[in-house]
Protein backbone atom coordinates (compact mmCIF):
# COMPACT_ATOMS: atom_id res chain seq x y z
CA MET A 1 17.10 14.45 -3.95
CA GLU A 2 14.71 13.90 -1.09
CA PRO A 3 11.95 11.06 -1.28
CA GLU A 4 8.67 12.52 -2.29
CA VAL A 5 5.69 11.30 0.22
CA LEU A 6 2.58 10.35 -1.58
CA LEU A 7 -0.36 10.70 0.97
CA SER A 8 -3.71 9.00 0.31
CA ALA A 9 -6.47 10.43 2.83
CA MET A 10 -10.18 11.13 3.08
CA TYR A 11 -11.97 14.09 4.43
CA LEU A 12 -9.02 16.11 5.60
CA ASP A 13 -9.67 19.88 6.45
CA ASN A 14 -6.47 20.92 4.45
CA GLU A 15 -2.80 19.90 3.86
CA ASP A 16 -1.85 21.02 7.57
CA TYR A 17 -2.66 17.51 8.47
CA ILE A 18 0.87 16.48 7.26
CA ASP A 19 2.39 18.22 10.16
CA THR A 20 0.95 15.28 12.39
CA LEU A 21 2.90 12.80 10.45
CA GLY A 22 6.23 14.09 10.63
CA ILE A 23 6.56 14.98 7.05
CA HIS A 24 9.46 17.16 5.97
CA SER A 25 10.10 16.51 2.42
CA ASP A 26 8.30 17.15 -0.77
CA CYS A 27 4.81 15.81 -0.51
CA VAL A 28 1.55 15.08 -2.79
CA VAL A 29 -1.61 14.92 -0.73
CA ILE A 30 -4.75 13.31 -2.30
CA ASN A 31 -7.60 14.26 -0.22
CA GLN A 32 -10.79 12.30 -1.31
CA CYS A 33 -13.79 14.33 -0.03
CA ASP A 34 -16.72 16.32 -1.50
CA ARG A 35 -14.76 19.35 -3.00
CA LYS A 36 -12.38 19.70 -5.75
CA CYS A 37 -9.19 21.85 -5.81
CA ASP A 38 -5.63 21.67 -6.88
CA ARG A 39 -3.00 24.02 -5.33
CA LYS A 40 0.70 24.02 -4.37
CA SER A 41 2.50 25.66 -1.35
CA THR A 42 6.00 25.92 0.04
CA ARG A 43 6.13 24.77 3.79
CA GLU A 44 8.84 24.62 6.57
CA LYS A 45 9.26 22.24 9.18
CA ASP A 46 12.35 21.44 11.45
CA GLY A 47 14.60 23.20 9.18
CA HIS A 48 13.44 21.75 6.16
CA THR A 49 11.75 23.67 3.24
CA PHE A 50 9.64 21.54 0.81
CA GLU A 51 6.82 21.70 -1.59
CA VAL A 52 3.29 20.35 -1.13
CA THR A 53 0.93 19.58 -4.02
CA TYR A 54 -2.48 19.28 -2.38
CA ILE A 55 -5.50 17.91 -4.54
CA GLU A 56 -9.08 17.61 -3.28
CA THR A 57 -11.16 15.07 -5.40
CA LYS A 58 -14.46 13.37 -5.35
CA GLU A 59 -13.04 10.32 -6.75
CA ARG A 60 -13.16 7.27 -4.32
CA GLY A 61 -10.87 4.22 -3.69
CA LEU A 62 -7.51 3.90 -2.26
CA SER A 63 -5.86 2.49 -5.37
CA ALA A 64 -7.50 5.45 -7.38
CA SER A 65 -5.89 7.84 -4.85
CA ARG A 66 -2.47 6.07 -5.23
CA ASN A 67 -2.57 6.36 -8.89
CA MET A 68 -3.63 10.03 -8.91
CA ALA A 69 -0.58 10.58 -6.32
CA LEU A 70 1.84 8.83 -8.89
CA ARG A 71 0.51 11.17 -11.73
CA TYR A 72 1.09 14.34 -9.78
CA ALA A 73 4.49 13.15 -8.36
CA ALA A 74 7.62 15.15 -9.46
CA GLY A 75 10.28 13.24 -7.46
CA ASP A 76 11.96 10.23 -8.56
CA ILE A 77 11.94 8.39 -5.22
CA CYS A 78 8.48 8.11 -3.86
CA ILE A 79 7.18 6.67 -0.66
CA LEU A 80 3.43 5.66 -0.19
CA CYS A 81 1.89 6.90 2.82
CA ASP A 82 -1.37 6.66 4.64
CA ASN A 83 -2.95 9.11 7.14
CA ASP A 84 -2.17 6.95 10.29
CA VAL A 85 1.71 6.91 9.62
CA GLU A 86 4.15 8.94 11.79
CA TYR A 87 7.76 9.15 10.30
CA VAL A 88 10.89 9.08 12.33
CA PRO A 89 12.91 12.28 12.18
CA ASP A 90 15.43 11.10 9.58
CA TYR A 91 13.01 9.02 7.31
CA ASP A 92 14.23 10.86 4.27
CA ARG A 93 17.97 10.01 5.04
CA ILE A 94 17.17 6.39 5.54
CA ILE A 95 15.28 6.18 2.34
CA ASN A 96 17.83 7.83 0.31
CA ASP A 97 20.73 6.04 1.75
CA ALA A 98 18.98 2.59 0.92
CA PHE A 99 18.39 3.84 -2.77
CA ASN A 100 21.99 4.89 -3.02
CA THR A 101 23.22 1.53 -1.63
CA TYR A 102 21.06 -0.92 -3.61
CA ASP A 103 20.41 -1.13 -7.18
CA ALA A 104 16.57 -1.66 -6.67
CA ASP A 105 13.57 -0.55 -8.53
CA ILE A 106 11.54 -0.56 -5.51
CA ILE A 107 12.63 -0.77 -1.76
CA VAL A 108 10.40 -2.03 1.04
CA PHE A 109 11.15 -0.64 4.62
CA PHE A 110 9.99 -1.45 7.98
CA ILE A 111 6.99 0.31 9.46
CA LYS A 112 6.11 -0.54 13.11
CA ARG A 113 2.36 -1.30 13.66
CA PRO A 114 0.43 -3.23 16.35
CA GLU A 115 0.38 -6.66 14.47
CA ARG A 116 3.99 -6.50 13.43
CA GLN A 117 6.63 -5.14 16.07
CA ARG A 118 9.71 -6.46 14.12
CA PRO A 119 10.83 -6.35 10.46
CA VAL A 120 9.82 -9.21 8.18
CA PHE A 121 13.48 -10.10 7.71
CA ASP A 122 16.32 -9.39 9.92
CA ARG A 123 18.71 -8.44 6.86
CA PRO A 124 18.45 -6.82 3.36
CA ARG A 125 17.32 -9.32 0.92
CA ARG A 126 15.67 -9.37 -2.51
CA MET A 127 11.82 -10.04 -2.39
CA GLY A 128 10.07 -12.71 -4.38
CA TYR A 129 6.51 -13.62 -5.05
CA LEU A 130 5.91 -15.32 -1.45
CA SER A 131 7.70 -12.49 0.52
CA VAL A 132 5.80 -9.63 -1.01
CA LEU A 133 2.50 -11.11 0.49
CA LYS A 134 3.77 -9.85 4.02
CA ILE A 135 3.82 -6.17 2.87
CA PHE A 136 1.67 -3.39 3.37
CA SER A 137 1.49 -0.07 1.18
CA PRO A 138 3.29 2.51 3.29
CA GLU A 139 6.48 0.34 3.45
CA ILE A 140 6.69 0.64 -0.36
CA ALA A 141 9.28 3.19 -1.78
CA ILE A 142 9.44 3.58 -5.57
CA ARG A 143 11.91 4.62 -8.05
CA ARG A 144 9.35 6.33 -10.32
CA SER A 145 11.50 6.49 -13.58
CA ARG A 146 11.80 2.63 -13.58
CA VAL A 147 8.36 1.76 -12.45
CA ASP A 148 5.73 1.68 -15.02
CA VAL A 149 3.07 -0.26 -13.09
CA ARG A 150 -0.16 1.30 -11.40
CA PHE A 151 -2.52 0.06 -8.92
CA ASP A 152 -5.40 -2.03 -9.87
CA GLU A 153 -8.52 -0.12 -9.16
CA LEU A 154 -10.65 -3.02 -8.37
CA PHE A 155 -8.91 -3.49 -5.30
CA GLY A 156 -8.07 -1.42 -2.07
CA ALA A 157 -10.22 0.38 0.46
CA GLY A 158 -13.21 1.85 -1.01
CA ALA A 159 -13.10 -0.38 -4.33
CA ARG A 160 -15.05 -3.57 -4.96
CA PHE A 161 -12.41 -5.84 -3.17
CA PHE A 162 -11.12 -3.94 -0.33
CA LEU A 163 -7.76 -5.47 0.30
CA GLY A 164 -4.62 -6.56 -1.24
CA GLU A 165 -3.93 -3.86 -3.74
CA GLU A 166 -0.30 -3.44 -2.51
CA ASN A 167 0.54 -7.37 -3.00
CA LEU A 168 -1.04 -7.17 -6.34
CA PHE A 169 1.23 -4.18 -7.35
CA LEU A 170 4.13 -5.94 -5.99
CA TYR A 171 3.26 -8.99 -8.00
CA GLU A 172 2.96 -7.03 -11.32
CA CYS A 173 6.39 -5.30 -10.66
CA LEU A 174 7.86 -8.81 -10.26
CA LYS A 175 6.13 -10.08 -13.47
CA LYS A 176 7.75 -7.24 -15.40
CA GLY A 177 11.37 -8.12 -13.93
CA LEU A 178 11.62 -5.33 -11.57
CA ARG A 179 14.00 -5.70 -8.68
CA ILE A 180 12.43 -5.42 -5.18
CA MET A 181 14.75 -5.17 -2.02
CA TYR A 182 13.72 -5.31 1.65
CA VAL A 183 15.57 -3.33 3.81
CA PRO A 184 14.86 -3.74 7.56
CA LYS A 185 15.28 0.07 8.53
CA MET A 186 12.31 1.62 10.44
CA ILE A 187 11.10 4.60 8.75
CA ALA A 188 7.78 5.24 10.53
CA ALA A 189 5.29 3.75 13.12
CA VAL A 190 1.46 3.26 12.59
CA ARG A 191 -0.74 4.83 15.24
CA ASP A 192 -2.61 2.23 17.40
CA GLU A 193 -5.92 3.02 16.04
CA GLU A 194 -9.11 1.06 14.95
CA SER A 195 -8.85 0.25 11.29
CA THR A 196 -11.08 2.03 9.04
CA TRP A 197 -11.40 -0.84 6.69
CA PHE A 198 -10.63 -4.13 8.46
CA LYS A 199 -13.74 -5.34 10.26
CA GLY A 200 -12.55 -8.91 11.11
CA TYR A 201 -12.23 -12.26 9.28
CA ASN A 202 -15.83 -12.24 7.82
CA ARG A 203 -17.26 -13.35 4.52
CA ASP A 204 -16.46 -10.02 2.85
CA PHE A 205 -12.83 -10.20 3.81
CA PHE A 206 -12.38 -13.91 2.43
CA ILE A 207 -14.14 -12.74 -0.76
CA SER A 208 -11.65 -9.97 -1.27
CA ARG A 209 -8.81 -12.28 -0.37
CA GLY A 210 -9.93 -14.84 -2.93
CA ALA A 211 -10.26 -12.26 -5.60
CA ASN A 212 -6.94 -10.92 -4.74
CA TYR A 213 -5.16 -14.22 -5.24
CA THR A 214 -6.88 -14.82 -8.53
CA ALA A 215 -5.72 -11.26 -9.81
CA MET A 216 -2.19 -12.01 -8.63
CA THR A 217 -2.12 -15.50 -10.34
CA HIS A 218 -4.97 -17.35 -12.04
CA ALA A 219 -2.73 -20.51 -12.39
CA PHE A 220 -1.91 -20.81 -8.63
CA SER A 221 -4.81 -19.14 -7.11
CA LEU A 222 -6.36 -22.28 -5.83
CA ILE A 223 -3.15 -23.17 -3.95
CA LEU A 224 -3.08 -19.56 -2.51
CA ILE A 225 -6.53 -19.87 -1.30
CA LEU A 226 -6.04 -23.23 0.26
CA GLN A 227 -2.72 -22.25 2.11
CA PHE A 228 -4.37 -19.15 3.48
CA ALA A 229 -7.27 -20.86 4.87
CA LEU A 230 -5.17 -23.44 6.46
CA ARG A 231 -2.05 -21.12 7.72
CA LYS A 232 -4.58 -18.60 9.20
CA ARG A 233 -7.28 -20.84 10.73
CA LYS A 234 -6.50 -19.72 14.18
CA LEU A 235 -7.30 -16.13 13.52
CA TYR A 236 -10.59 -16.80 12.18
CA SER A 237 -11.82 -20.06 13.75
CA ASN A 238 -14.10 -18.21 15.99
CA ASN A 239 -15.90 -16.84 13.18
CA MET A 240 -16.40 -19.48 10.59
CA SER A 241 -15.12 -22.86 9.52
CA ILE A 242 -12.26 -23.60 7.11
CA ALA A 243 -14.79 -24.85 4.61
CA ALA A 244 -16.78 -21.69 4.80
CA ALA A 245 -13.64 -19.52 4.41
CA ILE A 246 -12.51 -21.37 1.39
CA ALA A 247 -15.98 -21.15 -0.11
CA ALA A 248 -16.02 -17.41 0.52
CA MET A 249 -12.59 -17.11 -1.38
CA LEU A 250 -13.83 -19.20 -4.16
CA GLU A 251 -16.82 -16.98 -4.57
CA GLY A 252 -14.32 -14.03 -4.67
CA ARG A 253 -12.34 -15.92 -7.27
CA ARG A 254 -15.53 -16.11 -9.31
CA GLN A 255 -16.38 -12.44 -8.72
CA TYR A 256 -13.18 -11.37 -9.94
CA LYS A 257 -13.21 -13.36 -13.14
CA GLU A 258 -16.60 -11.90 -13.70
CA ALA A 259 -15.47 -8.42 -13.04
CA ILE A 260 -12.70 -9.00 -15.78
CA ARG A 261 -15.03 -10.14 -18.35
CA GLY A 262 -17.23 -7.17 -17.83
CA LYS A 263 -14.30 -4.84 -18.42
CA LYS A 264 -13.35 -6.41 -21.73
């Protein structure tokens, strides 16, 4: 069975956009826009025939989009996708071979992007709580029949806290005892375009990061906040001091706790 691609996007004209991404296996497209529709079609590309489920929704938020795509998915092996990812021609074979080789619930692959030109690890390995912090969403492939975890809709682009939804998702999977493997095979590259959500290491960034660490682990959130402030200081030192970065992350920690209390 070929992997099913779960594309989260905004304001597409229609499903033809998937042709620019090199997708040639079954696909669910969640297009957050100002319209509503739900349709299926059969397409052909490079000798492949595949099904596309195309959903237009007025809902907002990346995590909400991911969760909706998982609800509509029909295949067992699913790969998350963003609208700036271009797949290599044999991405489907690479993903299938990995799931046939490793007894894993989730496999993380390598996607080349401007800030990461090489895989996180040189060899296949099992991932833990620290290593999953280095992963971003489109690298994640899921064996859907084994993964009963969804994305926290407080996190991700368009949500209250705009980053870290994939790290939190993987943390929850690890807490449930799921097996996550890293396979350093390149399946795609990200276009060198300006990010639509990352606006630099500003106060909003650190608030979201502090909230994200707290959602992952209340017990160790302070340690994660301190290590991030120290480890990444060269990246943000032109914008703010270490003390200001820590203060903003602590504010995010407080805001997240407040948001959770409000949901109860």
